[in-house]
C-alpha atoms as a PDB file:
ATOM      1  CA  MET A   1     -16.808 -55.855 -70.572  1.00  0.00           C
ATOM      2  CA  GLY A   2     -17.152 -57.773 -67.316  1.00  0.00           C
ATOM      3  CA  ARG A   3     -17.706 -54.765 -65.074  1.00  0.00           C
ATOM      4  CA  ALA A   4     -20.876 -53.543 -63.418  1.00  0.00           C
ATOM      5  CA  HIS A   5     -20.808 -49.965 -64.696  1.00  0.00           C
ATOM      6  CA  GLU A   6     -23.301 -50.796 -67.461  1.00  0.00           C
ATOM      7  CA  VAL A   7     -25.813 -51.952 -64.842  1.00  0.00           C
ATOM      8  CA  ARG A   8     -25.149 -48.882 -62.733  1.00  0.00           C
ATOM      9  CA  ALA A   9     -25.580 -46.532 -65.687  1.00  0.00           C
ATOM     10  CA  LYS A  10     -28.995 -47.997 -66.437  1.00  0.00           C
ATOM     11  CA  LYS A  11     -30.107 -47.604 -62.846  1.00  0.00           C
ATOM     12  CA  ILE A  12     -28.888 -44.015 -62.654  1.00  0.00           C
ATOM     13  CA  ALA A  13     -31.109 -43.127 -65.573  1.00  0.00           C
ATOM     14  CA  GLN A  14     -34.080 -44.740 -63.848  1.00  0.00           C
ATOM     15  CA  THR A  15     -33.949 -43.579 -60.245  1.00  0.00           C
ATOM     16  CA  ASN A  16     -32.794 -40.680 -58.125  1.00  0.00           C
ATOM     17  CA  ALA A  17     -31.844 -43.172 -55.435  1.00  0.00           C
ATOM     18  CA  ALA A  18     -29.240 -44.717 -57.701  1.00  0.00           C
ATOM     19  CA  LYS A  19     -27.833 -41.283 -58.500  1.00  0.00           C
ATOM     20  CA  SER A  20     -27.596 -40.543 -54.789  1.00  0.00           C
ATOM     21  CA  ALA A  21     -25.722 -43.823 -54.272  1.00  0.00           C
ATOM     22  CA  LEU A  22     -23.312 -42.926 -57.066  1.00  0.00           C
ATOM     23  CA  TYR A  23     -22.634 -39.521 -55.522  1.00  0.00           C
ATOM     24  CA  ASN A  24     -22.055 -41.149 -52.137  1.00  0.00           C
ATOM     25  CA  ARG A  25     -19.447 -43.497 -53.620  1.00  0.00           C
ATOM     26  CA  ALA A  26     -17.732 -40.647 -55.420  1.00  0.00           C
ATOM     27  CA  SER A  27     -17.712 -38.434 -52.316  1.00  0.00           C
ATOM     28  CA  LYS A  28     -16.072 -41.089 -50.143  1.00  0.00           C
ATOM     29  CA  GLU A  29     -13.358 -41.936 -52.651  1.00  0.00           C
ATOM     30  CA  ILE A  30     -12.582 -38.303 -53.495  1.00  0.00           C
ATOM     31  CA  TYR A  31     -12.527 -37.416 -49.802  1.00  0.00           C
ATOM     32  CA  MET A  32     -10.079 -40.217 -49.019  1.00  0.00           C
ATOM     33  CA  ALA A  33      -7.798 -39.295 -51.925  1.00  0.00           C
ATOM     34  CA  ALA A  34      -7.812 -35.630 -50.898  1.00  0.00           C
ATOM     35  CA  LYS A  35      -7.217 -36.492 -47.259  1.00  0.00           C
ATOM     36  CA  SER A  36      -4.274 -38.786 -48.068  1.00  0.00           C
ATOM     37  CA  GLY A  37      -2.232 -35.964 -49.597  1.00  0.00           C
ATOM     38  CA  VAL A  38      -2.492 -32.352 -50.686  1.00  0.00           C
ATOM     39  CA  PRO A  39      -6.222 -31.631 -51.271  1.00  0.00           C
ATOM     40  CA  ASP A  40      -5.477 -30.096 -54.667  1.00  0.00           C
ATOM     41  CA  PRO A  41      -5.790 -32.180 -57.862  1.00  0.00           C
ATOM     42  CA  ASN A  42      -3.044 -30.122 -59.502  1.00  0.00           C
ATOM     43  CA  GLU A  43      -0.587 -31.387 -56.890  1.00  0.00           C
ATOM     44  CA  ASN A  44      -2.126 -34.743 -55.970  1.00  0.00           C
ATOM     45  CA  LEU A  45      -2.042 -37.276 -58.824  1.00  0.00           C
ATOM     46  CA  ALA A  46      -4.181 -39.813 -56.949  1.00  0.00           C
ATOM     47  CA  LEU A  47      -6.849 -37.197 -56.325  1.00  0.00           C
ATOM     48  CA  ARG A  48      -6.791 -36.069 -59.954  1.00  0.00           C
ATOM     49  CA  SER A  49      -7.234 -39.647 -61.171  1.00  0.00           C
ATOM     50  CA  VAL A  50     -10.159 -40.269 -58.824  1.00  0.00           C
ATOM     51  CA  ILE A  51     -11.854 -37.042 -59.920  1.00  0.00           C
ATOM     52  CA  GLU A  52     -11.506 -38.004 -63.580  1.00  0.00           C
ATOM     53  CA  LYS A  53     -12.913 -41.452 -62.814  1.00  0.00           C
ATOM     54  CA  TRP A  54     -16.081 -40.018 -61.325  1.00  0.00           C
ATOM     55  CA  LYS A  55     -16.412 -37.242 -63.871  1.00  0.00           C
ATOM     56  CA  ALA A  56     -16.645 -39.967 -66.509  1.00  0.00           C
ATOM     57  CA  GLN A  57     -19.663 -41.270 -64.582  1.00  0.00           C
ATOM     58  CA  HIS A  58     -21.232 -37.801 -64.652  1.00  0.00           C
ATOM     59  CA  VAL A  59     -20.662 -36.880 -61.018  1.00  0.00           C
ATOM     60  CA  THR A  60     -21.202 -33.140 -60.696  1.00  0.00           C
ATOM     61  CA  LYS A  61     -18.587 -30.514 -59.865  1.00  0.00           C
ATOM     62  CA  GLU A  62     -20.572 -29.621 -56.757  1.00  0.00           C
ATOM     63  CA  VAL A  63     -20.215 -33.147 -55.366  1.00  0.00           C
ATOM     64  CA  ILE A  64     -16.492 -33.189 -56.138  1.00  0.00           C
ATOM     65  CA  ASP A  65     -15.832 -29.767 -54.611  1.00  0.00           C
ATOM     66  CA  ARG A  66     -17.811 -30.619 -51.473  1.00  0.00           C
ATOM     67  CA  ALA A  67     -15.761 -33.787 -50.886  1.00  0.00           C
ATOM     68  CA  ILE A  68     -12.495 -31.885 -51.284  1.00  0.00           C
ATOM     69  CA  ALA A  69     -13.715 -29.137 -48.950  1.00  0.00           C
ATOM     70  CA  LYS A  70     -14.558 -31.799 -46.364  1.00  0.00           C
ATOM     71  CA  ALA A  71     -10.966 -33.078 -46.530  1.00  0.00           C
ATOM     72  CA  LYS A  72      -9.563 -29.542 -46.283  1.00  0.00           C
ATOM     73  CA  ALA A  73     -11.628 -29.001 -43.149  1.00  0.00           C
ATOM     74  CA  LYS A  74      -9.860 -32.022 -41.655  1.00  0.00           C
ATOM     75  CA  ASP A  75     -13.102 -33.889 -41.107  1.00  0.00           C
ATOM     76  CA  ALA A  76     -12.641 -36.888 -38.826  1.00  0.00           C
ATOM     77  CA  ALA A  77     -14.446 -39.402 -41.054  1.00  0.00           C
ATOM     78  CA  ALA A  78     -12.385 -42.498 -41.802  1.00  0.00           C
ATOM     79  CA  TYR A  79     -13.186 -45.170 -44.384  1.00  0.00           C
ATOM     80  CA  VAL A  80     -11.473 -48.554 -44.607  1.00  0.00           C
ATOM     81  CA  PRO A  81     -11.178 -50.356 -47.961  1.00  0.00           C
ATOM     82  CA  GLY A  82     -12.218 -53.983 -48.182  1.00  0.00           C
ATOM     83  CA  ARG A  83     -12.511 -56.697 -50.818  1.00  0.00           C
ATOM     84  CA  TYR A  84     -14.872 -59.673 -50.931  1.00  0.00           C
ATOM     85  CA  GLU A  85     -14.944 -62.434 -53.523  1.00  0.00           C
ATOM     86  CA  GLY A  86     -17.520 -64.962 -54.560  1.00  0.00           C
ATOM     87  CA  PHE A  87     -19.366 -66.720 -57.331  1.00  0.00           C
ATOM     88  CA  GLY A  88     -22.722 -66.631 -59.072  1.00  0.00           C
ATOM     89  CA  PRO A  89     -24.458 -69.267 -61.220  1.00  0.00           C
ATOM     90  CA  SER A  90     -22.322 -71.105 -63.819  1.00  0.00           C
ATOM     91  CA  GLY A  91     -19.186 -70.191 -61.888  1.00  0.00           C
ATOM     92  CA  VAL A  92     -19.339 -66.460 -62.655  1.00  0.00           C
ATOM     93  CA  ALA A  93     -16.543 -64.800 -60.681  1.00  0.00           C
ATOM     94  CA  ILE A  94     -17.480 -61.680 -58.707  1.00  0.00           C
ATOM     95  CA  VAL A  95     -15.207 -59.274 -56.828  1.00  0.00           C
ATOM     96  CA  VAL A  96     -16.679 -56.599 -54.566  1.00  0.00           C
ATOM     97  CA  ASP A  97     -14.685 -53.599 -53.332  1.00  0.00           C
ATOM     98  CA  THR A  98     -15.978 -51.669 -50.333  1.00  0.00           C
ATOM     99  CA  LEU A  99     -15.110 -48.410 -48.608  1.00  0.00           C
ATOM    100  CA  THR A 100     -16.704 -48.253 -45.196  1.00  0.00           C
ATOM    101  CA  ASP A 101     -16.610 -46.890 -41.676  1.00  0.00           C
ATOM    102  CA  ASN A 102     -18.048 -50.185 -40.395  1.00  0.00           C
ATOM    103  CA  GLU A 103     -16.364 -53.336 -41.691  1.00  0.00           C
ATOM    104  CA  LYS A 104     -18.762 -55.715 -39.927  1.00  0.00           C
ATOM    105  CA  ARG A 105     -21.749 -54.003 -41.536  1.00  0.00           C
ATOM    106  CA  ALA A 106     -20.137 -54.131 -44.961  1.00  0.00           C
ATOM    107  CA  PHE A 107     -19.270 -57.831 -44.720  1.00  0.00           C
ATOM    108  CA  SER A 108     -22.711 -58.747 -43.413  1.00  0.00           C
ATOM    109  CA  ALA A 109     -24.458 -56.890 -46.249  1.00  0.00           C
ATOM    110  CA  VAL A 110     -22.233 -58.384 -48.960  1.00  0.00           C
ATOM    111  CA  ARG A 111     -22.606 -61.915 -47.584  1.00  0.00           C
ATOM    112  CA  ALA A 112     -26.388 -61.511 -47.397  1.00  0.00           C
ATOM    113  CA  ALA A 113     -26.555 -60.335 -51.017  1.00  0.00           C
ATOM    114  CA  PHE A 114     -24.634 -63.391 -52.209  1.00  0.00           C
ATOM    115  CA  THR A 115     -26.733 -65.747 -50.071  1.00  0.00           C
ATOM    116  CA  HIS A 116     -30.112 -64.316 -51.063  1.00  0.00           C
ATOM    117  CA  HIS A 117     -29.432 -63.993 -54.787  1.00  0.00           C
ATOM    118  CA  GLY A 118     -28.082 -67.373 -55.838  1.00  0.00           C
ATOM    119  CA  GLY A 119     -24.407 -66.733 -55.133  1.00  0.00           C
ATOM    120  CA  LYS A 120     -21.771 -67.966 -52.731  1.00  0.00           C
ATOM    121  CA  ILE A 121     -19.159 -65.845 -50.995  1.00  0.00           C
ATOM    122  CA  GLY A 122     -15.637 -67.257 -51.134  1.00  0.00           C
ATOM    123  CA  ASN A 123     -12.227 -66.834 -49.540  1.00  0.00           C
ATOM    124  CA  SER A 124      -9.727 -64.124 -50.397  1.00  0.00           C
ATOM    125  CA  GLY A 125      -8.151 -64.888 -53.773  1.00  0.00           C
ATOM    126  CA  SER A 126     -10.819 -67.395 -54.797  1.00  0.00           C
ATOM    127  CA  ALA A 127     -12.250 -65.198 -57.565  1.00  0.00           C
ATOM    128  CA  SER A 128      -9.848 -62.290 -58.091  1.00  0.00           C
ATOM    129  CA  PHE A 129      -7.348 -64.409 -60.060  1.00  0.00           C
ATOM    130  CA  ASN A 130      -9.878 -64.255 -62.897  1.00  0.00           C
ATOM    131  CA  PHE A 131      -9.146 -60.535 -63.311  1.00  0.00           C
ATOM    132  CA  THR A 132      -6.211 -58.269 -64.103  1.00  0.00           C
ATOM    133  CA  ARG A 133      -5.785 -54.682 -62.950  1.00  0.00           C
ATOM    134  CA  MET A 134      -5.798 -52.443 -66.012  1.00  0.00           C
ATOM    135  CA  GLY A 135      -6.097 -48.808 -66.995  1.00  0.00           C
ATOM    136  CA  VAL A 136      -9.231 -48.436 -69.118  1.00  0.00           C
ATOM    137  CA  LEU A 137      -9.903 -45.429 -71.347  1.00  0.00           C
ATOM    138  CA  ALA A 138     -13.076 -45.359 -73.432  1.00  0.00           C
ATOM    139  CA  PHE A 139     -14.302 -42.583 -75.699  1.00  0.00           C
ATOM    140  CA  THR A 140     -16.072 -41.911 -78.975  1.00  0.00           C
ATOM    141  CA  THR A 141     -13.955 -41.280 -82.078  1.00  0.00           C
ATOM    142  CA  ASP A 142     -13.913 -41.765 -85.833  1.00  0.00           C
ATOM    143  CA  LYS A 143     -10.380 -43.206 -85.615  1.00  0.00           C
ATOM    144  CA  ASN A 144      -9.884 -46.972 -85.790  1.00  0.00           C
ATOM    145  CA  ALA A 145      -8.498 -49.005 -82.899  1.00  0.00           C
ATOM    146  CA  GLU A 146      -5.243 -49.903 -84.646  1.00  0.00           C
ATOM    147  CA  GLU A 147      -4.431 -46.268 -85.421  1.00  0.00           C
ATOM    148  CA  VAL A 148      -4.967 -45.170 -81.829  1.00  0.00           C
ATOM    149  CA  ALA A 149      -3.078 -48.135 -80.380  1.00  0.00           C
ATOM    150  CA  ASP A 150      -0.113 -47.585 -82.717  1.00  0.00           C
ATOM    151  CA  ASP A 151       0.088 -43.932 -81.672  1.00  0.00           C
ATOM    152  CA  LEU A 152       0.221 -44.863 -77.997  1.00  0.00           C
ATOM    153  CA  ILE A 153       2.774 -47.633 -78.581  1.00  0.00           C
ATOM    154  CA  LEU A 154       5.021 -45.227 -80.477  1.00  0.00           C
ATOM    155  CA  ASN A 155       4.926 -43.033 -77.379  1.00  0.00           C
ATOM    156  CA  ASP A 156       6.169 -45.908 -75.204  1.00  0.00           C
ATOM    157  CA  ILE A 157       2.771 -46.727 -73.701  1.00  0.00           C
ATOM    158  CA  ASP A 158       2.122 -50.381 -72.930  1.00  0.00           C
ATOM    159  CA  VAL A 159      -1.158 -51.051 -74.735  1.00  0.00           C
ATOM    160  CA  GLN A 160      -2.736 -54.371 -73.765  1.00  0.00           C
ATOM    161  CA  LYS A 161      -5.903 -54.236 -75.844  1.00  0.00           C
ATOM    162  CA  ALA A 162      -7.761 -51.909 -78.214  1.00  0.00           C
ATOM    163  CA  THR A 163     -11.297 -52.579 -79.399  1.00  0.00           C
ATOM    164  CA  LYS A 164     -13.925 -50.565 -81.223  1.00  0.00           C
ATOM    165  CA  SER A 165     -17.673 -50.981 -81.569  1.00  0.00           C
ATOM    166  CA  GLU A 166     -19.284 -48.470 -83.923  1.00  0.00           C
ATOM    167  CA  ASP A 167     -17.808 -45.137 -82.770  1.00  0.00           C
ATOM    168  CA  TYR A 168     -16.978 -46.327 -79.215  1.00  0.00           C
ATOM    169  CA  LEU A 169     -13.299 -47.177 -78.668  1.00  0.00           C
ATOM    170  CA  GLU A 170     -11.806 -48.762 -75.580  1.00  0.00           C
ATOM    171  CA  ILE A 171      -8.086 -48.881 -74.826  1.00  0.00           C
ATOM    172  CA  GLN A 172      -6.577 -50.992 -72.046  1.00  0.00           C
ATOM    173  CA  VAL A 173      -3.094 -50.118 -70.808  1.00  0.00           C
ATOM    174  CA  THR A 174      -0.953 -51.160 -67.868  1.00  0.00           C
ATOM    175  CA  PRO A 175      -1.797 -49.172 -64.711  1.00  0.00           C
ATOM    176  CA  ASP A 176       1.579 -47.423 -64.664  1.00  0.00           C
ATOM    177  CA  ASP A 177       0.891 -45.975 -68.119  1.00  0.00           C
ATOM    178  CA  PHE A 178      -2.693 -44.886 -67.442  1.00  0.00           C
ATOM    179  CA  GLU A 179      -2.080 -41.164 -66.874  1.00  0.00           C
ATOM    180  CA  LYS A 180       0.408 -40.958 -69.727  1.00  0.00           C
ATOM    181  CA  ALA A 181      -2.041 -42.673 -72.077  1.00  0.00           C
ATOM    182  CA  LYS A 182      -4.835 -40.309 -71.113  1.00  0.00           C
ATOM    183  CA  GLU A 183      -2.666 -37.256 -71.732  1.00  0.00           C
ATOM    184  CA  GLN A 184      -1.523 -38.688 -75.074  1.00  0.00           C
ATOM    185  CA  LEU A 185      -5.098 -39.309 -76.225  1.00  0.00           C
ATOM    186  CA  ILE A 186      -6.064 -35.758 -75.341  1.00  0.00           C
ATOM    187  CA  ALA A 187      -3.025 -34.344 -77.145  1.00  0.00           C
ATOM    188  CA  ASP A 188      -3.036 -36.515 -80.279  1.00  0.00           C
ATOM    189  CA  PHE A 189      -6.749 -37.210 -80.788  1.00  0.00           C
ATOM    190  CA  SER A 190      -8.359 -34.197 -79.121  1.00  0.00           C
ATOM    191  CA  VAL A 191     -10.418 -36.355 -76.777  1.00  0.00           C
ATOM    192  CA  GLN A 192     -12.642 -33.952 -74.854  1.00  0.00           C
ATOM    193  CA  GLU A 193     -14.578 -36.416 -72.730  1.00  0.00           C
ATOM    194  CA  PHE A 194     -13.959 -39.999 -71.659  1.00  0.00           C
ATOM    195  CA  GLU A 195     -16.860 -42.400 -71.235  1.00  0.00           C
ATOM    196  CA  GLU A 196     -14.617 -44.280 -68.843  1.00  0.00           C
ATOM    197  CA  ALA A 197     -11.246 -43.329 -67.404  1.00  0.00           C
ATOM    198  CA  ASN A 198     -10.237 -45.588 -64.576  1.00  0.00           C
ATOM    199  CA  VAL A 199      -7.743 -48.126 -63.281  1.00  0.00           C
ATOM    200  CA  THR A 200      -9.971 -51.127 -62.702  1.00  0.00           C
ATOM    201  CA  LEU A 201     -10.236 -54.911 -62.863  1.00  0.00           C
ATOM    202  CA  VAL A 202     -10.946 -56.505 -66.241  1.00  0.00           C
ATOM    203  CA  PRO A 203     -11.710 -60.199 -66.776  1.00  0.00           C
ATOM    204  CA  ASN A 204      -9.072 -62.556 -68.090  1.00  0.00           C
ATOM    205  CA  GLY A 205     -10.089 -64.480 -71.189  1.00  0.00           C
ATOM    206  CA  ASP A 206     -13.599 -65.074 -72.436  1.00  0.00           C
ATOM    207  CA  LEU A 207     -16.675 -64.028 -70.499  1.00  0.00           C
ATOM    208  CA  VAL A 208     -18.923 -66.725 -69.004  1.00  0.00           C
ATOM    209  CA  SER A 209     -21.975 -67.466 -71.176  1.00  0.00           C
ATOM    210  CA  LEU A 210     -25.275 -67.841 -69.338  1.00  0.00           C
ATOM    211  CA  ASN A 211     -28.728 -69.170 -70.089  1.00  0.00           C
ATOM    212  CA  ASP A 212     -31.669 -66.811 -69.581  1.00  0.00           C
ATOM    213  CA  GLU A 213     -32.434 -67.973 -66.048  1.00  0.00           C
ATOM    214  CA  ASP A 214     -28.839 -67.721 -64.823  1.00  0.00           C
ATOM    215  CA  ARG A 215     -28.383 -64.377 -66.561  1.00  0.00           C
ATOM    216  CA  LYS A 216     -31.327 -62.916 -64.646  1.00  0.00           C
ATOM    217  CA  THR A 217     -30.012 -64.361 -61.384  1.00  0.00           C
ATOM    218  CA  VAL A 218     -26.558 -62.867 -61.946  1.00  0.00           C
ATOM    219  CA  GLU A 219     -28.049 -59.491 -62.877  1.00  0.00           C
ATOM    220  CA  ASN A 220     -30.115 -59.477 -59.687  1.00  0.00           C
ATOM    221  CA  LEU A 221     -27.073 -60.435 -57.615  1.00  0.00           C
ATOM    222  CA  ILE A 222     -24.948 -57.684 -59.135  1.00  0.00           C
ATOM    223  CA  GLU A 223     -27.687 -55.106 -58.608  1.00  0.00           C
ATOM    224  CA  ALA A 224     -28.151 -56.225 -54.992  1.00  0.00           C
ATOM    225  CA  LEU A 225     -24.420 -55.835 -54.352  1.00  0.00           C
ATOM    226  CA  ASP A 226     -24.372 -52.510 -56.152  1.00  0.00           C
ATOM    227  CA  ASP A 227     -27.202 -51.216 -53.932  1.00  0.00           C
ATOM    228  CA  ILE A 228     -25.172 -51.701 -50.744  1.00  0.00           C
ATOM    229  CA  GLU A 229     -24.127 -48.378 -49.236  1.00  0.00           C
ATOM    230  CA  ASP A 230     -20.582 -49.536 -48.457  1.00  0.00           C
ATOM    231  CA  VAL A 231     -19.886 -51.000 -51.912  1.00  0.00           C
ATOM    232  CA  GLN A 232     -17.705 -48.976 -54.275  1.00  0.00           C
ATOM    233  CA  ASP A 233     -17.274 -51.333 -57.229  1.00  0.00           C
ATOM    234  CA  VAL A 234     -18.531 -54.701 -58.397  1.00  0.00           C
ATOM    235  CA  TYR A 235     -16.548 -56.673 -60.997  1.00  0.00           C
ATOM    236  CA  HIS A 236     -17.704 -59.815 -62.792  1.00  0.00           C
ATOM    237  CA  ASN A 237     -16.831 -61.973 -65.784  1.00  0.00           C
ATOM    238  CA  ALA A 238     -20.379 -62.756 -66.960  1.00  0.00           C
ATOM    239  CA  ASP A 239     -21.456 -62.147 -70.518  1.00  0.00           C
ATOM    240  CA  LEU A 240     -24.475 -59.921 -69.873  1.00  0.00           C
END
């Protein structure tokens, strides 16, 4: 699907270090969302959305509660968002989002990952035009994609894409309709758990096909970027 969550999921299953990295990303983003408004997900829509995002990646309640408590205690930590863009073999577009308390460290680490793993870092806007910001909701169901999409459309939700593979269904909606779509899926299809629930970047058009050598190089580059402490998300348009 052009995002790096499938790589991250594999790594989480393999190593405790990867799980720790995931929890660190979740903690920073939840903390910032809680700090930016009321530290209560019932009253802070941004915080509620971030919590649901990380719950879908199996972040524990303890991690979530600890990040909110940190914001309530008015902790002085401050994280600055950043975005870096570049390319891998065969022109694969890669966008890296960071959340850091040291922008120089973040840039240096991202640039080094591109340089050492067959990629090239680019200027702002050089790769991001290959992606569109979308609300993505994925879950398992016995319903078909057309049935679910029609239900959302009838409830004035702007559905951009609906696909199903076996029992796994993914819906893409415009960001403004993300929360409404999620609530509608819970109400009309009794969705109890989302495999993914996030406003994210999705690739435009077809994914880039790779030969075996380039595929391995791109995978290594994505994993190297994903291992960086300051990196929150890595997006790509490679067919892996």
